[in-house]
Amino acid sequence: MAKSKYARDPDYGQPVKWAREYDKHFPDNTDGCSRHTKMIAHENLRAINSPVRRMLIDAGYEPDHWAQSMELTVTMLWEARAEIARLKSIHSHTEGAA
């Protein structure tokens, strides 16, 4: 089995499966800021050979925890936007029927 180039902290579980999240939410529920945050978490904090990751570890920080917080915040934002869109759709259909 090939070793992943991304870190996985057992306390915080597996990193987000971004391909699945993109399939569900892109482009309707995403925006540039959230996609940038996702990229920072994934490529700068989780990538094992990242100089940013190494710098944070050397300074005594835990980049996996930072990455997980950023990733969960982004996925919760995307899910909230999807739910708002769903509720708006239901509301507009009930108004049209009245």
PDB file of N, CA and C in Angstrom:
ATOM      1  N   MET A   1       0.841  -1.184   0.000  1.00  0.00           N
ATOM      2  CA  MET A   1       0.000   0.000   0.000  1.00  0.00           C
ATOM      3  C   MET A   1       0.885   1.245   0.000  1.00  0.00           C
ATOM      4  N   ALA A   2       0.603   2.202  -0.878  1.00  0.00           N
ATOM      5  CA  ALA A   2       1.398   3.423  -0.977  1.00  0.00           C
ATOM      6  C   ALA A   2       1.111   4.327   0.214  1.00  0.00           C
ATOM      7  N   LYS A   3       2.157   4.957   0.694  1.00  0.00           N
ATOM      8  CA  LYS A   3       2.003   5.873   1.819  1.00  0.00           C
ATOM      9  C   LYS A   3       1.435   7.200   1.319  1.00  0.00           C
ATOM     10  N   SER A   4       0.478   7.727   2.030  1.00  0.00           N
ATOM     11  CA  SER A   4      -0.147   8.986   1.644  1.00  0.00           C
ATOM     12  C   SER A   4       0.820  10.137   1.852  1.00  0.00           C
ATOM     13  N   LYS A   5       0.682  11.154   1.023  1.00  0.00           N
ATOM     14  CA  LYS A   5       1.502  12.341   1.213  1.00  0.00           C
ATOM     15  C   LYS A   5       0.846  13.308   2.191  1.00  0.00           C
ATOM     16  N   TYR A   6      -0.309  12.908   2.753  1.00  0.00           N
ATOM     17  CA  TYR A   6      -1.016  13.747   3.701  1.00  0.00           C
ATOM     18  C   TYR A   6      -1.041  13.105   5.079  1.00  0.00           C
ATOM     19  N   ALA A   7      -0.949  13.949   6.088  1.00  0.00           N
ATOM     20  CA  ALA A   7      -0.952  13.477   7.472  1.00  0.00           C
ATOM     21  C   ALA A   7      -2.370  13.128   7.904  1.00  0.00           C
ATOM     22  N   ARG A   8      -2.463  12.238   8.858  1.00  0.00           N
ATOM     23  CA  ARG A   8      -3.736  11.859   9.460  1.00  0.00           C
ATOM     24  C   ARG A   8      -3.526  11.765  10.951  1.00  0.00           C
ATOM     25  N   ASP A   9      -4.180  12.630  11.680  1.00  0.00           N
ATOM     26  CA  ASP A   9      -4.071  12.642  13.128  1.00  0.00           C
ATOM     27  C   ASP A   9      -5.151  11.729  13.696  1.00  0.00           C
ATOM     28  N   PRO A  10      -4.774  10.691  14.471  1.00  0.00           N
ATOM     29  CA  PRO A  10      -5.787   9.758  14.988  1.00  0.00           C
ATOM     30  C   PRO A  10      -6.814  10.425  15.895  1.00  0.00           C
ATOM     31  N   ASP A  11      -6.453  11.530  16.542  1.00  0.00           N
ATOM     32  CA  ASP A  11      -7.404  12.223  17.404  1.00  0.00           C
ATOM     33  C   ASP A  11      -8.483  12.949  16.607  1.00  0.00           C
ATOM     34  N   TYR A  12      -8.177  13.287  15.378  1.00  0.00           N
ATOM     35  CA  TYR A  12      -9.096  14.090  14.584  1.00  0.00           C
ATOM     36  C   TYR A  12      -9.668  13.354  13.387  1.00  0.00           C
ATOM     37  N   GLY A  13      -9.338  12.091  13.244  1.00  0.00           N
ATOM     38  CA  GLY A  13      -9.926  11.297  12.180  1.00  0.00           C
ATOM     39  C   GLY A  13      -9.325  11.556  10.816  1.00  0.00           C
ATOM     40  N   GLN A  14      -9.964  10.993   9.828  1.00  0.00           N
ATOM     41  CA  GLN A  14      -9.498  11.106   8.451  1.00  0.00           C
ATOM     42  C   GLN A  14      -9.722  12.523   7.932  1.00  0.00           C
ATOM     43  N   PRO A  15      -8.843  12.977   7.050  1.00  0.00           N
ATOM     44  CA  PRO A  15      -9.114  14.249   6.380  1.00  0.00           C
ATOM     45  C   PRO A  15     -10.401  14.151   5.561  1.00  0.00           C
ATOM     46  N   VAL A  16     -10.980  15.286   5.297  1.00  0.00           N
ATOM     47  CA  VAL A  16     -12.209  15.346   4.509  1.00  0.00           C
ATOM     48  C   VAL A  16     -11.964  14.752   3.126  1.00  0.00           C
ATOM     49  N   LYS A  17     -12.924  14.028   2.614  1.00  0.00           N
ATOM     50  CA  LYS A  17     -12.855  13.480   1.253  1.00  0.00           C
ATOM     51  C   LYS A  17     -13.356  14.568   0.300  1.00  0.00           C
ATOM     52  N   TRP A  18     -12.427  15.391  -0.172  1.00  0.00           N
ATOM     53  CA  TRP A  18     -12.801  16.585  -0.920  1.00  0.00           C
ATOM     54  C   TRP A  18     -13.506  16.282  -2.226  1.00  0.00           C
ATOM     55  N   ALA A  19     -13.128  15.221  -2.923  1.00  0.00           N
ATOM     56  CA  ALA A  19     -13.786  14.916  -4.197  1.00  0.00           C
ATOM     57  C   ALA A  19     -15.286  14.713  -3.978  1.00  0.00           C
ATOM     58  N   ARG A  20     -15.633  14.008  -2.918  1.00  0.00           N
ATOM     59  CA  ARG A  20     -17.047  13.767  -2.606  1.00  0.00           C
ATOM     60  C   ARG A  20     -17.751  15.082  -2.259  1.00  0.00           C
ATOM     61  N   GLU A  21     -17.092  15.926  -1.454  1.00  0.00           N
ATOM     62  CA  GLU A  21     -17.690  17.209  -1.069  1.00  0.00           C
ATOM     63  C   GLU A  21     -17.878  18.111  -2.288  1.00  0.00           C
ATOM     64  N   TYR A  22     -16.893  18.123  -3.192  1.00  0.00           N
ATOM     65  CA  TYR A  22     -17.022  18.930  -4.406  1.00  0.00           C
ATOM     66  C   TYR A  22     -18.188  18.434  -5.256  1.00  0.00           C
ATOM     67  N   ASP A  23     -18.324  17.122  -5.378  1.00  0.00           N
ATOM     68  CA  ASP A  23     -19.432  16.573  -6.162  1.00  0.00           C
ATOM     69  C   ASP A  23     -20.775  17.029  -5.604  1.00  0.00           C
ATOM     70  N   LYS A  24     -20.871  17.110  -4.287  1.00  0.00           N
ATOM     71  CA  LYS A  24     -22.126  17.501  -3.641  1.00  0.00           C
ATOM     72  C   LYS A  24     -22.383  19.004  -3.727  1.00  0.00           C
ATOM     73  N   HIS A  25     -21.337  19.829  -3.573  1.00  0.00           N
ATOM     74  CA  HIS A  25     -21.556  21.252  -3.317  1.00  0.00           C
ATOM     75  C   HIS A  25     -21.049  22.218  -4.383  1.00  0.00           C
ATOM     76  N   PHE A  26     -20.152  21.784  -5.255  1.00  0.00           N
ATOM     77  CA  PHE A  26     -19.551  22.720  -6.199  1.00  0.00           C
ATOM     78  C   PHE A  26     -20.431  22.851  -7.426  1.00  0.00           C
ATOM     79  N   PRO A  27     -20.650  24.012  -8.006  1.00  0.00           N
ATOM     80  CA  PRO A  27     -20.209  25.328  -7.584  1.00  0.00           C
ATOM     81  C   PRO A  27     -21.238  26.075  -6.749  1.00  0.00           C
ATOM     82  N   ASP A  28     -22.458  25.537  -6.644  1.00  0.00           N
ATOM     83  CA  ASP A  28     -23.563  26.298  -6.058  1.00  0.00           C
ATOM     84  C   ASP A  28     -23.338  26.752  -4.622  1.00  0.00           C
ATOM     85  N   ASN A  29     -22.697  25.943  -3.805  1.00  0.00           N
ATOM     86  CA  ASN A  29     -22.590  26.259  -2.379  1.00  0.00           C
ATOM     87  C   ASN A  29     -21.177  26.625  -1.944  1.00  0.00           C
ATOM     88  N   THR A  30     -20.293  26.840  -2.909  1.00  0.00           N
ATOM     89  CA  THR A  30     -18.918  27.200  -2.568  1.00  0.00           C
ATOM     90  C   THR A  30     -18.629  28.623  -3.022  1.00  0.00           C
ATOM     91  N   ASP A  31     -17.516  29.148  -2.569  1.00  0.00           N
ATOM     92  CA  ASP A  31     -17.053  30.463  -2.997  1.00  0.00           C
ATOM     93  C   ASP A  31     -15.529  30.454  -2.933  1.00  0.00           C
ATOM     94  N   GLY A  32     -14.912  31.487  -3.482  1.00  0.00           N
ATOM     95  CA  GLY A  32     -13.456  31.545  -3.519  1.00  0.00           C
ATOM     96  C   GLY A  32     -12.809  31.456  -2.148  1.00  0.00           C
ATOM     97  N   CYS A  33     -13.362  32.157  -1.174  1.00  0.00           N
ATOM     98  CA  CYS A  33     -12.763  32.156   0.173  1.00  0.00           C
ATOM     99  C   CYS A  33     -12.769  30.761   0.787  1.00  0.00           C
ATOM    100  N   SER A  34     -13.883  30.067   0.672  1.00  0.00           N
ATOM    101  CA  SER A  34     -13.943  28.732   1.278  1.00  0.00           C
ATOM    102  C   SER A  34     -13.043  27.754   0.534  1.00  0.00           C
ATOM    103  N   ARG A  35     -12.953  27.895  -0.790  1.00  0.00           N
ATOM    104  CA  ARG A  35     -12.056  27.010  -1.541  1.00  0.00           C
ATOM    105  C   ARG A  35     -10.596  27.300  -1.206  1.00  0.00           C
ATOM    106  N   HIS A  36     -10.250  28.574  -0.994  1.00  0.00           N
ATOM    107  CA  HIS A  36      -8.873  28.914  -0.593  1.00  0.00           C
ATOM    108  C   HIS A  36      -8.566  28.333   0.784  1.00  0.00           C
ATOM    109  N   THR A  37      -9.503  28.436   1.700  1.00  0.00           N
ATOM    110  CA  THR A  37      -9.313  27.875   3.040  1.00  0.00           C
ATOM    111  C   THR A  37      -9.106  26.374   2.960  1.00  0.00           C
ATOM    112  N   LYS A  38      -9.888  25.712   2.133  1.00  0.00           N
ATOM    113  CA  LYS A  38      -9.735  24.268   1.929  1.00  0.00           C
ATOM    114  C   LYS A  38      -8.354  23.944   1.392  1.00  0.00           C
ATOM    115  N   MET A  39      -7.878  24.725   0.419  1.00  0.00           N
ATOM    116  CA  MET A  39      -6.559  24.467  -0.170  1.00  0.00           C
ATOM    117  C   MET A  39      -5.439  24.697   0.845  1.00  0.00           C
ATOM    118  N   ILE A  40      -5.557  25.738   1.669  1.00  0.00           N
ATOM    119  CA  ILE A  40      -4.547  25.997   2.699  1.00  0.00           C
ATOM    120  C   ILE A  40      -4.496  24.832   3.676  1.00  0.00           C
ATOM    121  N   ALA A  41      -5.647  24.394   4.133  1.00  0.00           N
ATOM    122  CA  ALA A  41      -5.689  23.279   5.084  1.00  0.00           C
ATOM    123  C   ALA A  41      -5.103  22.019   4.474  1.00  0.00           C
ATOM    124  N   HIS A  42      -5.483  21.729   3.251  1.00  0.00           N
ATOM    125  CA  HIS A  42      -5.094  20.465   2.634  1.00  0.00           C
ATOM    126  C   HIS A  42      -3.639  20.468   2.171  1.00  0.00           C
ATOM    127  N   GLU A  43      -3.226  21.502   1.457  1.00  0.00           N
ATOM    128  CA  GLU A  43      -1.893  21.495   0.850  1.00  0.00           C
ATOM    129  C   GLU A  43      -0.802  22.058   1.755  1.00  0.00           C
ATOM    130  N   ASN A  44      -1.127  22.994   2.633  1.00  0.00           N
ATOM    131  CA  ASN A  44      -0.094  23.592   3.480  1.00  0.00           C
ATOM    132  C   ASN A  44      -0.004  22.972   4.868  1.00  0.00           C
ATOM    133  N   LEU A  45      -1.120  22.538   5.406  1.00  0.00           N
ATOM    134  CA  LEU A  45      -1.107  22.008   6.769  1.00  0.00           C
ATOM    135  C   LEU A  45      -1.056  20.491   6.809  1.00  0.00           C
ATOM    136  N   ARG A  46      -1.687  19.815   5.867  1.00  0.00           N
ATOM    137  CA  ARG A  46      -1.715  18.351   5.880  1.00  0.00           C
ATOM    138  C   ARG A  46      -0.595  17.711   5.076  1.00  0.00           C
ATOM    139  N   ALA A  47      -0.104  18.365   4.028  1.00  0.00           N
ATOM    140  CA  ALA A  47       0.936  17.767   3.185  1.00  0.00           C
ATOM    141  C   ALA A  47       2.209  17.566   4.010  1.00  0.00           C
ATOM    142  N   ILE A  48       2.650  16.322   4.100  1.00  0.00           N
ATOM    143  CA  ILE A  48       3.761  15.957   4.984  1.00  0.00           C
ATOM    144  C   ILE A  48       5.031  16.733   4.673  1.00  0.00           C
ATOM    145  N   ASN A  49       5.307  17.003   3.408  1.00  0.00           N
ATOM    146  CA  ASN A  49       6.533  17.703   3.034  1.00  0.00           C
ATOM    147  C   ASN A  49       6.372  19.216   2.948  1.00  0.00           C
ATOM    148  N   SER A  50       5.273  19.753   3.411  1.00  0.00           N
ATOM    149  CA  SER A  50       5.025  21.191   3.331  1.00  0.00           C
ATOM    150  C   SER A  50       5.943  21.959   4.283  1.00  0.00           C
ATOM    151  N   PRO A  51       6.606  23.018   3.799  1.00  0.00           N
ATOM    152  CA  PRO A  51       7.439  23.830   4.689  1.00  0.00           C
ATOM    153  C   PRO A  51       6.611  24.541   5.756  1.00  0.00           C
ATOM    154  N   VAL A  52       5.372  24.884   5.440  1.00  0.00           N
ATOM    155  CA  VAL A  52       4.500  25.522   6.432  1.00  0.00           C
ATOM    156  C   VAL A  52       4.215  24.547   7.565  1.00  0.00           C
ATOM    157  N   ARG A  53       3.914  23.321   7.222  1.00  0.00           N
ATOM    158  CA  ARG A  53       3.665  22.282   8.230  1.00  0.00           C
ATOM    159  C   ARG A  53       4.886  22.108   9.132  1.00  0.00           C
ATOM    160  N   ARG A  54       6.052  21.998   8.533  1.00  0.00           N
ATOM    161  CA  ARG A  54       7.294  21.809   9.290  1.00  0.00           C
ATOM    162  C   ARG A  54       7.537  22.993  10.225  1.00  0.00           C
ATOM    163  N   MET A  55       7.322  24.213   9.734  1.00  0.00           N
ATOM    164  CA  MET A  55       7.522  25.407  10.548  1.00  0.00           C
ATOM    165  C   MET A  55       6.594  25.389  11.768  1.00  0.00           C
ATOM    166  N   LEU A  56       5.332  25.024  11.561  1.00  0.00           N
ATOM    167  CA  LEU A  56       4.381  24.986  12.671  1.00  0.00           C
ATOM    168  C   LEU A  56       4.749  23.912  13.686  1.00  0.00           C
ATOM    169  N   ILE A  57       5.155  22.751  13.206  1.00  0.00           N
ATOM    170  CA  ILE A  57       5.573  21.680  14.116  1.00  0.00           C
ATOM    171  C   ILE A  57       6.788  22.124  14.918  1.00  0.00           C
ATOM    172  N   ASP A  58       7.765  22.735  14.244  1.00  0.00           N
ATOM    173  CA  ASP A  58       8.971  23.214  14.927  1.00  0.00           C
ATOM    174  C   ASP A  58       8.651  24.264  15.981  1.00  0.00           C
ATOM    175  N   ALA A  59       7.579  25.032  15.757  1.00  0.00           N
ATOM    176  CA  ALA A  59       7.172  26.065  16.712  1.00  0.00           C
ATOM    177  C   ALA A  59       6.284  25.504  17.819  1.00  0.00           C
ATOM    178  N   GLY A  60       6.001  24.200  17.779  1.00  0.00           N
ATOM    179  CA  GLY A  60       5.215  23.567  18.829  1.00  0.00           C
ATOM    180  C   GLY A  60       3.723  23.498  18.564  1.00  0.00           C
ATOM    181  N   TYR A  61       3.307  23.808  17.351  1.00  0.00           N
ATOM    182  CA  TYR A  61       1.889  23.750  17.011  1.00  0.00           C
ATOM    183  C   TYR A  61       1.535  22.407  16.386  1.00  0.00           C
ATOM    184  N   GLU A  62       0.248  22.135  16.280  1.00  0.00           N
ATOM    185  CA  GLU A  62      -0.245  20.888  15.708  1.00  0.00           C
ATOM    186  C   GLU A  62      -1.028  21.201  14.432  1.00  0.00           C
ATOM    187  N   PRO A  63      -0.355  21.180  13.283  1.00  0.00           N
ATOM    188  CA  PRO A  63      -1.028  21.566  12.042  1.00  0.00           C
ATOM    189  C   PRO A  63      -2.211  20.676  11.670  1.00  0.00           C
ATOM    190  N   ASP A  64      -2.214  19.422  12.094  1.00  0.00           N
ATOM    191  CA  ASP A  64      -3.360  18.556  11.791  1.00  0.00           C
ATOM    192  C   ASP A  64      -4.623  19.066  12.471  1.00  0.00           C
ATOM    193  N   HIS A  65      -4.485  19.571  13.679  1.00  0.00           N
ATOM    194  CA  HIS A  65      -5.641  20.105  14.391  1.00  0.00           C
ATOM    195  C   HIS A  65      -6.144  21.362  13.686  1.00  0.00           C
ATOM    196  N   TRP A  66      -5.212  22.215  13.268  1.00  0.00           N
ATOM    197  CA  TRP A  66      -5.591  23.421  12.534  1.00  0.00           C
ATOM    198  C   TRP A  66      -6.300  23.039  11.244  1.00  0.00           C
ATOM    199  N   ALA A  67      -5.719  22.088  10.517  1.00  0.00           N
ATOM    200  CA  ALA A  67      -6.298  21.662   9.239  1.00  0.00           C
ATOM    201  C   ALA A  67      -7.702  21.113   9.447  1.00  0.00           C
ATOM    202  N   GLN A  68      -7.874  20.271  10.450  1.00  0.00           N
ATOM    203  CA  GLN A  68      -9.183  19.670  10.699  1.00  0.00           C
ATOM    204  C   GLN A  68     -10.220  20.738  11.023  1.00  0.00           C
ATOM    205  N   SER A  69      -9.845  21.721  11.827  1.00  0.00           N
ATOM    206  CA  SER A  69     -10.778  22.798  12.158  1.00  0.00           C
ATOM    207  C   SER A  69     -11.189  23.569  10.912  1.00  0.00           C
ATOM    208  N   MET A  70     -10.220  23.873  10.068  1.00  0.00           N
ATOM    209  CA  MET A  70     -10.510  24.605   8.833  1.00  0.00           C
ATOM    210  C   MET A  70     -11.374  23.766   7.893  1.00  0.00           C
ATOM    211  N   GLU A  71     -11.042  22.492   7.756  1.00  0.00           N
ATOM    212  CA  GLU A  71     -11.796  21.610   6.865  1.00  0.00           C
ATOM    213  C   GLU A  71     -13.240  21.439   7.334  1.00  0.00           C
ATOM    214  N   LEU A  72     -13.429  21.240   8.626  1.00  0.00           N
ATOM    215  CA  LEU A  72     -14.790  21.073   9.148  1.00  0.00           C
ATOM    216  C   LEU A  72     -15.600  22.351   9.000  1.00  0.00           C
ATOM    217  N   THR A  73     -14.963  23.496   9.215  1.00  0.00           N
ATOM    218  CA  THR A  73     -15.657  24.769   9.052  1.00  0.00           C
ATOM    219  C   THR A  73     -16.123  24.948   7.617  1.00  0.00           C
ATOM    220  N   VAL A  74     -15.264  24.624   6.659  1.00  0.00           N
ATOM    221  CA  VAL A  74     -15.627  24.745   5.244  1.00  0.00           C
ATOM    222  C   VAL A  74     -16.767  23.788   4.900  1.00  0.00           C
ATOM    223  N   THR A  75     -16.680  22.539   5.324  1.00  0.00           N
ATOM    224  CA  THR A  75     -17.751  21.594   4.978  1.00  0.00           C
ATOM    225  C   THR A  75     -19.068  21.981   5.655  1.00  0.00           C
ATOM    226  N   MET A  76     -19.010  22.480   6.892  1.00  0.00           N
ATOM    227  CA  MET A  76     -20.243  22.918   7.550  1.00  0.00           C
ATOM    228  C   MET A  76     -20.849  24.113   6.817  1.00  0.00           C
ATOM    229  N   LEU A  77     -20.009  25.030   6.333  1.00  0.00           N
ATOM    230  CA  LEU A  77     -20.497  26.169   5.561  1.00  0.00           C
ATOM    231  C   LEU A  77     -21.188  25.694   4.292  1.00  0.00           C
ATOM    232  N   TRP A  78     -20.548  24.798   3.563  1.00  0.00           N
ATOM    233  CA  TRP A  78     -21.133  24.293   2.323  1.00  0.00           C
ATOM    234  C   TRP A  78     -22.444  23.562   2.598  1.00  0.00           C
ATOM    235  N   GLU A  79     -22.497  22.766   3.670  1.00  0.00           N
ATOM    236  CA  GLU A  79     -23.726  22.050   4.013  1.00  0.00           C
ATOM    237  C   GLU A  79     -24.829  23.017   4.430  1.00  0.00           C
ATOM    238  N   ALA A  80     -24.463  24.069   5.168  1.00  0.00           N
ATOM    239  CA  ALA A  80     -25.454  25.063   5.577  1.00  0.00           C
ATOM    240  C   ALA A  80     -26.023  25.787   4.360  1.00  0.00           C
ATOM    241  N   ARG A  81     -25.164  26.134   3.419  1.00  0.00           N
ATOM    242  CA  ARG A  81     -25.643  26.793   2.200  1.00  0.00           C
ATOM    243  C   ARG A  81     -26.582  25.876   1.409  1.00  0.00           C
ATOM    244  N   ALA A  82     -26.260  24.601   1.345  1.00  0.00           N
ATOM    245  CA  ALA A  82     -27.123  23.649   0.641  1.00  0.00           C
ATOM    246  C   ALA A  82     -28.483  23.551   1.335  1.00  0.00           C
ATOM    247  N   GLU A  83     -28.478  23.532   2.655  1.00  0.00           N
ATOM    248  CA  GLU A  83     -29.730  23.448   3.410  1.00  0.00           C
ATOM    249  C   GLU A  83     -30.558  24.716   3.230  1.00  0.00           C
ATOM    250  N   ILE A  84     -29.916  25.873   3.242  1.00  0.00           N
ATOM    251  CA  ILE A  84     -30.634  27.132   3.015  1.00  0.00           C
ATOM    252  C   ILE A  84     -31.272  27.126   1.629  1.00  0.00           C
ATOM    253  N   ALA A  85     -30.528  26.692   0.629  1.00  0.00           N
ATOM    254  CA  ALA A  85     -31.073  26.620  -0.736  1.00  0.00           C
ATOM    255  C   ALA A  85     -32.259  25.663  -0.793  1.00  0.00           C
ATOM    256  N   ARG A  86     -32.161  24.533  -0.098  1.00  0.00           N
ATOM    257  CA  ARG A  86     -33.255  23.558  -0.075  1.00  0.00           C
ATOM    258  C   ARG A  86     -34.500  24.169   0.568  1.00  0.00           C
ATOM    259  N   LEU A  87     -34.310  24.857   1.696  1.00  0.00           N
ATOM    260  CA  LEU A  87     -35.445  25.468   2.386  1.00  0.00           C
ATOM    261  C   LEU A  87     -36.060  26.592   1.558  1.00  0.00           C
ATOM    262  N   LYS A  88     -35.223  27.379   0.888  1.00  0.00           N
ATOM    263  CA  LYS A  88     -35.748  28.433   0.013  1.00  0.00           C
ATOM    264  C   LYS A  88     -36.573  27.831  -1.116  1.00  0.00           C
ATOM    265  N   SER A  89     -36.105  26.718  -1.654  1.00  0.00           N
ATOM    266  CA  SER A  89     -36.826  26.050  -2.736  1.00  0.00           C
ATOM    267  C   SER A  89     -38.191  25.571  -2.256  1.00  0.00           C
ATOM    268  N   ILE A  90     -38.226  24.971  -1.086  1.00  0.00           N
ATOM    269  CA  ILE A  90     -39.496  24.504  -0.513  1.00  0.00           C
ATOM    270  C   ILE A  90     -40.425  25.689  -0.285  1.00  0.00           C
ATOM    271  N   HIS A  91     -39.875  26.766   0.266  1.00  0.00           N
ATOM    272  CA  HIS A  91     -40.669  27.957   0.564  1.00  0.00           C
ATOM    273  C   HIS A  91     -41.236  28.565  -0.719  1.00  0.00           C
ATOM    274  N   SER A  92     -40.421  28.640  -1.763  1.00  0.00           N
ATOM    275  CA  SER A  92     -40.904  29.237  -3.014  1.00  0.00           C
ATOM    276  C   SER A  92     -41.972  28.354  -3.669  1.00  0.00           C
ATOM    277  N   HIS A  93     -41.859  27.036  -3.520  1.00  0.00           N
ATOM    278  CA  HIS A  93     -42.877  26.135  -4.073  1.00  0.00           C
ATOM    279  C   HIS A  93     -44.188  26.249  -3.302  1.00  0.00           C
ATOM    280  N   THR A  94     -44.118  26.410  -1.987  1.00  0.00           N
ATOM    281  CA  THR A  94     -45.351  26.530  -1.203  1.00  0.00           C
ATOM    282  C   THR A  94     -46.010  27.884  -1.439  1.00  0.00           C
ATOM    283  N   GLU A  95     -45.223  28.936  -1.668  1.00  0.00           N
ATOM    284  CA  GLU A  95     -45.806  30.245  -1.970  1.00  0.00           C
ATOM    285  C   GLU A  95     -46.499  30.228  -3.327  1.00  0.00           C
ATOM    286  N   GLY A  96     -45.877  29.540  -4.287  1.00  0.00           N
ATOM    287  CA  GLY A  96     -46.454  29.461  -5.627  1.00  0.00           C
ATOM    288  C   GLY A  96     -47.755  28.670  -5.655  1.00  0.00           C
ATOM    289  N   ALA A  97     -47.887  27.713  -4.748  1.00  0.00           N
ATOM    290  CA  ALA A  97     -49.086  26.870  -4.703  1.00  0.00           C
ATOM    291  C   ALA A  97     -50.245  27.569  -4.006  1.00  0.00           C
ATOM    292  N   ALA A  98     -49.930  28.594  -3.221  1.00  0.00           N
ATOM    293  CA  ALA A  98     -50.979  29.265  -2.444  1.00  0.00           C
ATOM    294  C   ALA A  98     -51.780  30.249  -3.249  1.00  0.00           C
TER     295      ALA A  98
END
